[in-house]
C-alpha atoms as a PDB file:
ATOM      1  CA  MET A   1       0.024   0.000  -0.010  1.00  0.00           C
ATOM      2  CA  ASN A   2       1.461   3.655  -0.750  1.00  0.00           C
ATOM      3  CA  ASP A   3       1.208   5.653   2.027  1.00  0.00           C
ATOM      4  CA  ASN A   4       2.740   8.605   0.076  1.00  0.00           C
ATOM      5  CA  PRO A   5      -0.657  10.773  -1.513  1.00  0.00           C
ATOM      6  CA  PHE A   6       1.579  12.756  -3.735  1.00  0.00           C
ATOM      7  CA  ASN A   7       1.806  12.272  -7.275  1.00  0.00           C
ATOM      8  CA  THR A   8       5.116  13.489  -9.529  1.00  0.00           C
ATOM      9  CA  TYR A   9       4.508  15.833 -12.090  1.00  0.00           C
ATOM     10  CA  SER A  10       6.813  17.448 -14.676  1.00  0.00           C
ATOM     11  CA  CYS A  11       6.475  20.562 -17.068  1.00  0.00           C
ATOM     12  CA  ARG A  12       8.704  23.440 -18.406  1.00  0.00           C
ATOM     13  CA  PHE A  13       8.609  26.719 -18.002  1.00  0.00           C
ATOM     14  CA  GLU A  14       9.913  29.803 -19.828  1.00  0.00           C
ATOM     15  CA  PHE A  15      12.079  31.292 -16.697  1.00  0.00           C
ATOM     16  CA  THR A  16      12.789  30.272 -13.449  1.00  0.00           C
ATOM     17  CA  HIS A  17      10.221  33.097 -12.257  1.00  0.00           C
ATOM     18  CA  ASP A  18       7.457  31.619 -14.076  1.00  0.00           C
ATOM     19  CA  PHE A  19       7.717  28.370 -11.659  1.00  0.00           C
ATOM     20  CA  THR A  20       7.764  30.538  -8.539  1.00  0.00           C
ATOM     21  CA  ALA A  21       4.625  32.318  -9.756  1.00  0.00           C
ATOM     22  CA  PHE A  22       2.899  28.614 -10.101  1.00  0.00           C
ATOM     23  CA  ILE A  23       4.093  27.780  -6.722  1.00  0.00           C
ATOM     24  CA  ILE A  24       2.576  31.133  -5.037  1.00  0.00           C
ATOM     25  CA  ALA A  25      -0.663  30.865  -6.858  1.00  0.00           C
ATOM     26  CA  ALA A  26      -0.885  27.178  -6.086  1.00  0.00           C
ATOM     27  CA  ASP A  27      -0.072  27.799  -2.427  1.00  0.00           C
ATOM     28  CA  LYS A  28      -2.554  30.855  -2.575  1.00  0.00           C
ATOM     29  CA  GLN A  29      -5.214  28.312  -3.693  1.00  0.00           C
ATOM     30  CA  GLY A  30      -4.487  25.696  -0.810  1.00  0.00           C
ATOM     31  CA  VAL A  31      -2.724  23.465  -3.432  1.00  0.00           C
ATOM     32  CA  GLN A  32       0.401  21.973  -1.961  1.00  0.00           C
ATOM     33  CA  ILE A  33       3.322  21.272  -4.179  1.00  0.00           C
ATOM     34  CA  ASN A  34       6.199  19.662  -2.556  1.00  0.00           C
ATOM     35  CA  THR A  35       9.333  21.693  -4.082  1.00  0.00           C
ATOM     36  CA  SER A  36      11.890  19.471  -1.989  1.00  0.00           C
ATOM     37  CA  GLU A  37      11.579  17.373  -4.958  1.00  0.00           C
ATOM     38  CA  LEU A  38      12.223  20.165  -7.509  1.00  0.00           C
ATOM     39  CA  HIS A  39      14.932  20.093 -10.039  1.00  0.00           C
ATOM     40  CA  HIS A  40      15.910  22.787 -12.359  1.00  0.00           C
ATOM     41  CA  VAL A  41      17.496  20.572 -15.135  1.00  0.00           C
ATOM     42  CA  LYS A  42      18.751  20.861 -18.788  1.00  0.00           C
ATOM     43  CA  ARG A  43      18.696  17.565 -20.501  1.00  0.00           C
ATOM     44  CA  GLU A  44      21.529  16.758 -22.745  1.00  0.00           C
ATOM     45  CA  GLY A  45      20.881  17.574 -26.107  1.00  0.00           C
ATOM     46  CA  ASP A  46      17.909  20.061 -25.255  1.00  0.00           C
ATOM     47  CA  LYS A  47      16.561  21.432 -28.299  1.00  0.00           C
ATOM     48  CA  TYR A  48      15.045  24.267 -26.219  1.00  0.00           C
ATOM     49  CA  PRO A  49      16.867  27.386 -25.580  1.00  0.00           C
ATOM     50  CA  ALA A  50      17.797  28.792 -22.024  1.00  0.00           C
ATOM     51  CA  PRO A  51      16.249  30.079 -20.051  1.00  0.00           C
ATOM     52  CA  ASP A  52      13.841  27.203 -20.042  1.00  0.00           C
ATOM     53  CA  VAL A  53      13.508  25.377 -16.777  1.00  0.00           C
ATOM     54  CA  TYR A  54      12.700  21.780 -16.638  1.00  0.00           C
ATOM     55  CA  VAL A  55      10.889  20.959 -13.328  1.00  0.00           C
ATOM     56  CA  GLU A  56       9.715  17.887 -11.630  1.00  0.00           C
ATOM     57  CA  PHE A  57       7.895  18.309  -8.300  1.00  0.00           C
ATOM     58  CA  LYS A  58       5.220  16.418  -6.304  1.00  0.00           C
ATOM     59  CA  ALA A  59       1.378  17.405  -5.635  1.00  0.00           C
ATOM     60  CA  GLU A  60      -1.091  15.715  -3.777  1.00  0.00           C
ATOM     61  CA  ALA A  61      -3.823  17.802  -6.373  1.00  0.00           C
ATOM     62  CA  PRO A  62      -5.074  15.930  -9.360  1.00  0.00           C
ATOM     63  CA  LEU A  63      -3.802  17.085 -12.687  1.00  0.00           C
ATOM     64  CA  ASP A  64      -6.935  19.278 -13.502  1.00  0.00           C
ATOM     65  CA  VAL A  65      -6.614  21.045 -10.571  1.00  0.00           C
ATOM     66  CA  LEU A  66      -3.113  21.826 -11.153  1.00  0.00           C
ATOM     67  CA  GLN A  67      -4.149  23.012 -14.601  1.00  0.00           C
ATOM     68  CA  ALA A  68      -6.563  25.310 -13.326  1.00  0.00           C
ATOM     69  CA  VAL A  69      -3.850  27.035 -11.052  1.00  0.00           C
ATOM     70  CA  LEU A  70      -1.605  27.523 -14.410  1.00  0.00           C
ATOM     71  CA  ARG A  71      -4.742  29.086 -16.319  1.00  0.00           C
ATOM     72  CA  GLN A  72      -5.163  31.539 -13.602  1.00  0.00           C
ATOM     73  CA  GLY A  73      -1.547  32.520 -13.614  1.00  0.00           C
ATOM     74  CA  SER A  74      -0.149  35.321 -15.830  1.00  0.00           C
ATOM     75  CA  ASP A  75       1.727  34.081 -18.583  1.00  0.00           C
ATOM     76  CA  LEU A  76       1.988  30.323 -17.400  1.00  0.00           C
ATOM     77  CA  ARG A  77       0.918  28.720 -20.628  1.00  0.00           C
ATOM     78  CA  VAL A  78       4.106  26.869 -21.331  1.00  0.00           C
ATOM     79  CA  GLY A  79       3.562  24.878 -17.787  1.00  0.00           C
ATOM     80  CA  LEU A  80       0.090  24.364 -18.397  1.00  0.00           C
ATOM     81  CA  GLN A  81       0.652  23.207 -22.143  1.00  0.00           C
ATOM     82  CA  THR A  82       3.740  20.781 -20.985  1.00  0.00           C
ATOM     83  CA  LEU A  83       2.231  19.728 -17.633  1.00  0.00           C
ATOM     84  CA  ARG A  84       2.287  16.005 -17.281  1.00  0.00           C
ATOM     85  CA  PRO A  85       1.536  13.344 -14.358  1.00  0.00           C
ATOM     86  CA  VAL A  86       4.990  11.772 -15.136  1.00  0.00           C
ATOM     87  CA  PRO A  87       8.711  11.745 -14.039  1.00  0.00           C
ATOM     88  CA  LEU A  88      10.939  14.156 -16.112  1.00  0.00           C
ATOM     89  CA  LYS A  89      12.409  12.178 -17.637  1.00  0.00           C
ATOM     90  CA  ASP A  90       9.305  10.808 -19.390  1.00  0.00           C
ATOM     91  CA  ASN A  91       8.042  14.048 -20.254  1.00  0.00           C
ATOM     92  CA  PRO A  92       8.913  14.913 -23.752  1.00  0.00           C
ATOM     93  CA  LEU A  93       7.920  18.567 -22.999  1.00  0.00           C
ATOM     94  CA  GLU A  94       6.429  19.342 -26.072  1.00  0.00           C
ATOM     95  CA  ARG A  95       3.500  22.021 -25.844  1.00  0.00           C
ATOM     96  CA  ASP A  96       0.103  20.797 -26.081  1.00  0.00           C
ATOM     97  CA  PHE A  97      -1.279  23.857 -28.038  1.00  0.00           C
ATOM     98  CA  ASN A  98      -5.018  22.366 -27.483  1.00  0.00           C
ATOM     99  CA  LEU A  99      -4.903  23.705 -23.611  1.00  0.00           C
ATOM    100  CA  ILE A 100      -5.853  27.047 -23.279  1.00  0.00           C
END
């Protein structure tokens, strides 16, 4: 039995301050993000130019709740469009332009 209620998520943001804005917006809405699992990573062969930030984090909230937080944030669409409930290594980080 899994006693850890947190799910693993990953996504990409254009800037570090965009991820910070997401964390603040989530906190204001009572959504807990476990930032101890946060990674600012550039993968080898990265096709996205700096200053993009790749993040992996844990959250108890389901995907739709995190997407709602990102929709309410200012200029967080890259995070919204790349957010997936998978570890960073399994996320292609391609934008889903159907998510707005």
